[in-house]
Amino acid sequence: MLPTRERAEALLEEAEACNPGPWGNHSRTAAHCAEKIAQACGNLDPDKAYILGLLHDIGRKFGVRHLGHVSDGYSYMMSLGYDEAARICLTHSFHSQSMEDYIGKFDTTDQELALIQDRLAAITMDEYDRLIQLCDSLAGADGVLDMETRMEDVRRRYGSYPQDKWNRNLELKRYFEEKAGRNLYLVVEKETFHPSGEGTGRKPAQPPKEEKKLEKECGKNKCHAASGSEKDPLPKL
């Protein structure tokens, strides 16, 4: 199950209010790329792709965490009944479904780490999982980035980048490029697209009362606005 497009946009805006940072527009860029690639491929649902791209990092709502944002996002989306979005919160960081894929701090509790490992092991990756992994590697806060430039920047900032993950990203680009039949950077409008934090300009759809209650319970002790040096940097791949 997924939220509507409008509801997903509202969820992202609410999350940014808790933890402002460039991750919000990174998510919008990923959503844009996912929608455009899905449209070009023909056999994927563009709305579903957009929503999954928009919510893949939604766990960042709950503060500045590294691996912890994966378990936070999964648990948050599951609490609202959005199991398809919860799945993407897990799979976008793990091309080979192994902890060796993750670049960054392991800042989870033992329980959170076990949740990630157990849920990942039970998943068979599909084209939507792979699409969001690809779009995560293309998405910057100001627009679409050259994939290898993005990966090199991550390697420079964090000291390493698994070669297997690097190669898999390039393989994903080739795979979806063949499906689309066009240069992928043209498909995602690399030279012209710039995300807007103002969303679509439409009034966000209001969630059901029960969903509002769940959101309040989920976020009441964890939602806090980051400030200064605590702001999340551009998310890692």
Protein backbone atom coordinates (compact mmCIF):
# COMPACT_ATOMS: atom_id res chain seq x y z
CA MET A 1 0.00 0.00 0.00
CA LEU A 2 1.10 3.54 -0.80
CA PRO A 3 -0.10 7.03 0.09
CA THR A 4 -1.46 9.20 -2.68
CA ARG A 5 0.93 11.47 -4.50
CA GLU A 6 -0.45 14.48 -2.64
CA ARG A 7 -0.21 12.74 0.71
CA ALA A 8 3.39 11.71 0.04
CA GLU A 9 4.29 15.32 -0.71
CA ALA A 10 2.64 16.41 2.54
CA LEU A 11 4.51 13.72 4.50
CA LEU A 12 7.81 14.97 3.11
CA GLU A 13 6.99 18.58 3.99
CA GLU A 14 6.07 17.56 7.54
CA ALA A 15 9.32 15.60 7.85
CA GLU A 16 11.39 18.58 6.68
CA ALA A 17 9.80 20.71 9.40
CA CYS A 18 11.16 18.22 11.94
CA ASN A 19 14.64 17.94 10.43
CA PRO A 20 15.42 20.63 7.84
CA GLY A 21 18.20 19.98 5.38
CA PRO A 22 19.11 19.29 1.74
CA TRP A 23 17.78 15.74 2.03
CA GLY A 24 14.28 17.05 1.26
CA ASN A 25 15.13 18.33 -2.20
CA HIS A 26 17.37 15.31 -2.75
CA SER A 27 14.18 13.26 -2.27
CA ARG A 28 12.24 15.46 -4.70
CA THR A 29 14.96 15.03 -7.29
CA ALA A 30 14.93 11.26 -6.81
CA ALA A 31 11.14 11.29 -7.22
CA HIS A 32 11.40 13.32 -10.43
CA CYS A 33 14.00 10.95 -11.87
CA ALA A 34 11.98 7.87 -10.91
CA GLU A 35 8.82 9.23 -12.53
CA LYS A 36 10.57 10.20 -15.76
CA ILE A 37 12.37 6.86 -16.08
CA ALA A 38 9.17 4.93 -15.35
CA GLN A 39 7.37 6.90 -18.06
CA ALA A 40 10.14 6.15 -20.56
CA CYS A 41 10.24 2.43 -19.71
CA GLY A 42 6.54 1.93 -20.31
CA ASN A 43 5.99 -1.05 -17.99
CA LEU A 44 6.38 0.84 -14.69
CA ASP A 45 3.80 3.01 -12.92
CA PRO A 46 5.10 6.62 -12.94
CA ASP A 47 2.99 7.68 -9.94
CA LYS A 48 4.20 4.74 -7.86
CA ALA A 49 7.80 5.46 -8.87
CA TYR A 50 7.40 9.13 -7.91
CA ILE A 51 5.94 8.33 -4.49
CA LEU A 52 8.63 5.77 -3.70
CA GLY A 53 11.35 8.21 -4.72
CA LEU A 54 9.82 10.94 -2.58
CA LEU A 55 9.65 8.77 0.56
CA HIS A 56 12.83 6.69 0.35
CA ASP A 57 14.61 8.89 2.94
CA ILE A 58 11.55 9.74 5.06
CA GLY A 59 13.27 8.29 8.14
CA ARG A 60 15.34 11.47 8.27
CA LYS A 61 12.27 13.08 9.79
CA PHE A 62 13.42 11.84 13.18
CA GLY A 63 16.82 13.51 13.32
CA VAL A 64 20.36 13.28 12.07
CA ARG A 65 21.07 9.56 11.79
CA HIS A 66 23.04 7.45 9.36
CA LEU A 67 21.99 3.78 9.19
CA GLY A 68 19.34 4.68 11.75
CA HIS A 69 17.33 6.58 9.13
CA VAL A 70 16.71 3.26 7.39
CA SER A 71 15.03 1.63 10.39
CA ASP A 72 13.26 4.89 11.31
CA GLY A 73 11.79 5.18 7.82
CA TYR A 74 10.73 1.55 7.70
CA SER A 75 9.03 1.68 11.11
CA TYR A 76 7.33 5.01 10.37
CA MET A 77 5.86 3.91 7.04
CA MET A 78 4.73 0.58 8.49
CA SER A 79 2.99 2.43 11.35
CA LEU A 80 0.92 4.27 8.73
CA GLY A 81 0.18 1.11 6.74
CA TYR A 82 2.40 2.04 3.78
CA ASP A 83 4.25 -1.24 3.37
CA GLU A 84 5.52 -0.51 -0.15
CA ALA A 85 7.11 2.74 0.98
CA ALA A 86 8.51 0.99 4.07
CA ARG A 87 10.20 -1.54 1.82
CA ILE A 88 11.92 1.20 -0.20
CA CYS A 89 13.18 2.80 3.01
CA LEU A 90 15.14 -0.43 3.47
CA THR A 91 16.17 -1.42 -0.04
CA HIS A 92 17.42 1.92 -1.38
CA SER A 93 20.67 1.61 0.59
CA PHE A 94 21.45 -2.04 -0.06
CA HIS A 95 22.13 -3.14 -3.62
CA SER A 96 23.29 -6.61 -2.56
CA GLN A 97 21.09 -6.80 0.56
CA SER A 98 24.22 -6.86 2.71
CA MET A 99 25.39 -4.56 5.50
CA GLU A 100 28.65 -4.25 3.56
CA ASP A 101 26.77 -2.02 1.13
CA TYR A 102 26.23 0.73 3.67
CA ILE A 103 28.46 3.80 3.64
CA GLY A 104 28.37 5.71 6.90
CA LYS A 105 27.98 5.21 10.63
CA PHE A 106 26.27 2.18 12.11
CA ASP A 107 24.27 4.18 14.64
CA THR A 108 21.41 1.75 15.23
CA THR A 109 20.50 -0.18 18.34
CA ASP A 110 20.91 -3.95 18.21
CA GLN A 111 17.15 -4.23 17.78
CA GLU A 112 17.10 -1.78 14.87
CA LEU A 113 20.00 -3.52 13.15
CA ALA A 114 18.29 -6.89 13.53
CA LEU A 115 15.10 -5.43 12.02
CA ILE A 116 17.00 -4.17 8.97
CA GLN A 117 18.83 -7.45 8.46
CA ASP A 118 15.75 -9.63 8.94
CA ARG A 119 13.50 -7.61 6.64
CA LEU A 120 16.16 -7.30 3.93
CA ALA A 121 16.77 -11.04 3.92
CA ALA A 122 13.08 -11.67 3.23
CA ILE A 123 12.88 -9.36 0.19
CA THR A 124 13.24 -10.30 -3.47
CA MET A 125 14.32 -7.12 -5.23
CA ASP A 126 12.07 -5.89 -8.05
CA GLU A 127 12.38 -3.14 -10.64
CA TYR A 128 11.06 -0.47 -8.29
CA ASP A 129 13.73 -1.29 -5.71
CA ARG A 130 16.38 -1.06 -8.42
CA LEU A 131 14.89 2.12 -9.88
CA ILE A 132 15.04 3.98 -6.56
CA GLN A 133 18.59 2.76 -5.95
CA LEU A 134 19.50 4.25 -9.32
CA CYS A 135 17.66 7.52 -8.70
CA ASP A 136 19.24 7.88 -5.25
CA SER A 137 22.62 7.83 -7.01
CA LEU A 138 21.53 10.54 -9.47
CA ALA A 139 19.76 12.92 -7.11
CA GLY A 140 21.32 16.04 -5.67
CA ALA A 141 19.66 18.74 -3.61
CA ASP A 142 19.86 21.21 -6.50
CA GLY A 143 19.04 18.84 -9.33
CA VAL A 144 20.26 15.79 -11.21
CA LEU A 145 23.96 14.96 -10.87
CA ASP A 146 26.41 13.00 -12.97
CA MET A 147 26.40 9.59 -11.29
CA GLU A 148 30.15 9.07 -11.19
CA THR A 149 30.71 12.60 -9.89
CA ARG A 150 28.18 11.92 -7.12
CA MET A 151 29.82 8.62 -6.16
CA GLU A 152 33.29 10.17 -6.21
CA ASP A 153 32.09 12.93 -3.89
CA VAL A 154 30.77 10.33 -1.43
CA ARG A 155 34.09 8.48 -1.59
CA ARG A 156 35.98 11.70 -0.92
CA ARG A 157 33.81 12.67 2.05
CA TYR A 158 33.62 9.27 3.70
CA GLY A 159 36.98 7.80 2.73
CA SER A 160 35.72 4.84 0.73
CA TYR A 161 33.08 3.60 -1.70
CA PRO A 162 32.60 -0.14 -2.23
CA GLN A 163 33.67 -1.01 -5.75
CA ASP A 164 30.88 -3.56 -6.06
CA LYS A 165 28.29 -0.89 -5.25
CA TRP A 166 29.93 1.52 -7.71
CA ASN A 167 29.74 -1.12 -10.45
CA ARG A 168 26.15 -2.01 -9.62
CA ASN A 169 25.07 1.63 -9.95
CA LEU A 170 26.62 1.79 -13.41
CA GLU A 171 24.92 -1.50 -14.32
CA LEU A 172 21.57 -0.09 -13.19
CA LYS A 173 22.11 2.99 -15.35
CA ARG A 174 22.83 0.82 -18.39
CA TYR A 175 19.84 -1.44 -17.66
CA PHE A 176 17.30 1.37 -17.42
CA GLU A 177 18.89 3.22 -20.31
CA GLU A 178 18.30 0.18 -22.52
CA LYS A 179 14.69 -0.09 -21.32
CA ALA A 180 14.08 3.60 -21.96
CA GLY A 181 15.85 3.56 -25.33
CA ARG A 182 17.43 6.94 -24.64
CA ASN A 183 20.31 8.56 -22.82
CA LEU A 184 19.21 8.51 -19.18
CA TYR A 185 20.43 12.05 -18.48
CA LEU A 186 18.09 13.28 -21.21
CA VAL A 187 15.21 11.25 -19.78
CA VAL A 188 15.61 12.81 -16.32
CA GLU A 189 16.19 16.33 -17.69
CA LYS A 190 19.60 16.61 -16.06
CA GLU A 191 20.40 20.04 -17.46
CA THR A 192 17.08 21.71 -16.68
CA PHE A 193 15.38 20.14 -13.66
CA HIS A 194 15.59 21.92 -10.31
CA PRO A 195 13.51 20.78 -7.31
CA SER A 196 11.21 23.10 -5.43
CA GLY A 197 10.59 22.72 -1.72
CA GLU A 198 7.15 24.20 -2.28
CA GLY A 199 5.90 20.98 -3.83
CA THR A 200 3.18 21.14 -6.48
CA GLY A 201 1.40 24.21 -5.19
CA ARG A 202 -1.71 22.13 -4.53
CA LYS A 203 -3.27 21.91 -1.09
CA PRO A 204 -2.04 18.66 0.50
CA ALA A 205 -4.62 15.94 0.95
CA GLN A 206 -5.66 15.62 4.58
CA PRO A 207 -4.96 12.21 6.14
CA PRO A 208 -7.66 10.13 7.81
CA LYS A 209 -8.11 10.78 11.54
CA GLU A 210 -6.60 7.41 12.44
CA GLU A 211 -3.50 8.16 10.38
CA LYS A 212 -3.13 11.54 12.10
CA LYS A 213 -3.25 9.77 15.45
CA LEU A 214 -0.58 7.28 14.36
CA GLU A 215 1.66 10.06 13.09
CA LYS A 216 1.33 11.98 16.35
CA GLU A 217 2.18 8.91 18.39
CA CYS A 218 5.11 8.03 16.13
CA GLY A 219 6.65 11.46 16.14
CA LYS A 220 5.75 13.10 19.41
CA ASN A 221 9.02 12.23 21.18
CA LYS A 222 11.35 12.05 18.18
CA CYS A 223 10.40 14.89 15.86
CA HIS A 224 12.74 17.79 16.45
CA ALA A 225 14.14 20.39 14.13
CA ALA A 226 17.86 20.07 13.55
CA SER A 227 19.89 23.25 13.52
CA GLY A 228 23.35 24.45 12.64
CA SER A 229 25.89 21.65 12.29
CA GLU A 230 23.26 19.06 13.10
CA LYS A 231 21.52 19.45 9.76
CA ASP A 232 21.66 16.34 7.61
CA PRO A 233 24.17 16.62 4.76
CA LEU A 234 23.29 15.42 1.28
CA PRO A 235 22.40 11.76 1.87
CA LYS A 236 24.97 9.08 1.15
CA LEU A 237 24.39 6.43 -1.48
